[in-house]
Protein backbone atom coordinates (compact mmCIF):
# COMPACT_ATOMS: atom_id res chain seq x y z
CA MET A 1 198.16 48.69 123.49
CA VAL A 2 198.31 50.30 120.17
CA PHE A 3 198.98 54.05 120.29
CA SER A 4 197.72 55.93 117.94
CA GLY A 5 196.80 59.84 117.12
CA LYS A 6 197.77 62.50 119.32
CA LYS A 7 195.25 63.29 121.17
CA ILE A 8 195.19 59.13 122.67
CA ILE A 9 199.17 59.74 123.26
CA GLY A 10 198.50 62.89 124.95
CA VAL A 11 195.61 61.90 127.49
CA ARG A 12 197.74 58.22 128.38
CA GLY A 13 200.76 60.50 128.72
CA GLU A 14 198.65 63.13 131.02
CA LYS A 15 197.57 59.97 133.36
CA ILE A 16 200.55 58.28 133.49
CA GLY A 17 201.58 62.00 134.92
CA ALA A 18 198.99 62.34 137.37
CA PHE A 19 199.96 59.11 138.62
CA PHE A 20 203.54 59.58 138.48
CA LEU A 21 202.78 62.76 140.58
CA GLU A 22 200.35 61.25 143.03
CA LYS A 23 202.77 59.03 144.16
CA ARG A 24 205.34 61.10 144.68
CA GLY A 25 202.92 63.13 148.08
CA TYR A 26 200.93 65.44 145.03
CA SER A 27 197.59 66.03 145.16
CA ILE A 28 195.52 66.14 141.65
CA ILE A 29 193.08 69.28 142.33
CA HIS A 30 192.77 70.11 138.66
CA LYS A 31 193.25 68.45 135.02
CA ASN A 32 193.51 70.21 131.57
CA PHE A 33 192.55 73.98 132.66
CA PHE A 34 191.75 76.28 130.07
CA THR A 35 192.04 79.50 129.31
CA LYS A 36 191.98 82.07 126.29
CA PHE A 37 196.07 81.69 126.64
CA GLY A 38 196.01 77.76 126.48
CA GLU A 39 195.59 74.81 128.60
CA ILE A 40 197.76 73.91 131.78
CA ASP A 41 197.73 69.66 131.75
CA LEU A 42 197.93 69.24 135.37
CA ILE A 43 197.66 71.29 138.49
CA ALA A 44 198.80 69.79 141.81
CA LYS A 45 199.09 70.41 145.25
CA LYS A 46 201.74 69.53 147.82
CA ALA A 47 201.25 71.25 151.14
CA LYS A 48 201.89 74.92 150.57
CA MET A 49 203.07 74.36 147.17
CA LEU A 50 201.09 74.77 143.63
CA ALA A 51 202.31 73.16 140.82
CA PHE A 52 201.27 74.08 136.76
CA VAL A 53 202.93 70.79 134.95
CA GLU A 54 202.86 70.43 131.39
CA VAL A 55 203.13 67.38 130.34
CA LYS A 56 204.49 65.87 126.76
CA THR A 57 204.22 62.24 125.82
CA ARG A 58 206.16 60.72 122.58
CA ILE A 59 206.30 57.47 121.35
CA ALA A 60 209.67 55.95 121.46
CA ASN A 61 209.83 54.24 118.09
CA ASN A 62 209.11 57.63 116.58
CA LYS A 63 211.51 58.65 113.57
CA LYS A 64 211.79 61.92 116.57
CA LEU A 65 213.35 59.73 119.28
CA SER A 66 216.35 62.21 119.44
CA GLU A 67 213.90 64.78 120.26
CA LYS A 68 213.34 64.65 123.62
CA PRO A 69 210.00 65.91 124.71
CA GLU A 70 209.99 68.54 126.98
CA ALA A 71 211.62 70.34 124.08
CA ALA A 72 208.33 71.31 122.46
CA ILE A 73 207.96 73.36 124.96
CA SER A 74 208.25 76.76 124.04
CA LYS A 75 209.48 80.07 124.87
CA GLY A 76 206.00 81.45 124.06
CA LYS A 77 204.03 78.28 125.20
CA TYR A 78 205.90 78.97 128.50
CA PHE A 79 204.16 82.53 128.59
CA LYS A 80 200.94 81.22 127.65
CA ILE A 81 201.36 79.40 130.82
CA ARG A 82 201.92 81.91 132.90
CA LYS A 83 199.48 83.85 131.87
CA SER A 84 197.07 80.49 132.41
CA VAL A 85 199.07 80.28 135.94
CA GLU A 86 197.50 83.89 136.84
CA ILE A 87 193.77 83.55 135.77
CA PHE A 88 194.02 79.88 138.14
CA ILE A 89 195.50 82.15 140.83
CA PHE A 90 192.52 84.72 140.21
CA LYS A 91 189.55 82.15 140.11
CA ASN A 92 190.79 80.63 142.80
CA PRO A 93 192.27 83.10 145.78
CA LYS A 94 192.42 80.36 148.12
CA TYR A 95 195.73 79.21 146.67
CA ILE A 96 197.38 83.10 146.58
CA ASP A 97 199.81 82.30 149.65
CA PHE A 98 200.91 79.41 147.91
CA ASP A 99 204.28 78.62 146.54
CA LEU A 100 203.91 78.67 142.70
CA LYS A 101 205.93 76.32 140.50
CA ILE A 102 205.50 75.28 136.67
CA HIS A 103 207.17 72.10 136.64
CA ALA A 104 206.79 69.73 133.05
CA ILE A 105 206.68 65.55 132.58
CA SER A 106 208.27 64.49 130.05
CA ILE A 107 207.53 60.83 128.74
CA PHE A 108 208.67 58.18 125.96
CA LEU A 109 206.18 55.75 125.61
CA ASN A 110 206.53 52.27 123.79
CA GLN A 111 204.57 49.28 123.79
CA LYS A 112 204.99 47.62 127.02
CA THR A 113 206.72 50.29 129.41
CA ALA A 114 206.37 54.96 129.65
CA ARG A 115 209.90 56.47 130.53
CA VAL A 116 209.62 59.60 133.02
CA ARG A 117 211.29 62.59 133.77
CA PHE A 118 210.22 64.82 136.09
CA LEU A 119 211.29 68.05 135.13
CA LYS A 120 211.14 71.04 137.84
CA ASN A 121 210.99 74.82 137.90
CA VAL A 122 211.15 75.06 134.40
CA PHE A 123 211.74 78.46 133.42
CA TYR A 124 213.28 80.70 130.70
């Protein structure tokens, strides 16, 4: 499999991230939730917890291999996610009593494998 282009890499990473969460008992309730503040890659439910998940994917043979994918989640990005979470809850009040979490999934891809790290409760 040959990877090219940021969009293709991002879509592949989000599919891997969704599969990873589902294997851990989460149900994906929304993918690519867009607001004026930005996008939440995955929204997943597990019991009475709602996880808003940012997926960051990098190619393992990239020259920036030493940079962890999650390093791309800046303080500004975090606050945009928080604002988007508020909008999601406003539009979906049935989740108002859920425990809300912001998580990240960090993925390194190469030709044959994906190395996945699950970072719970990402915050500044």
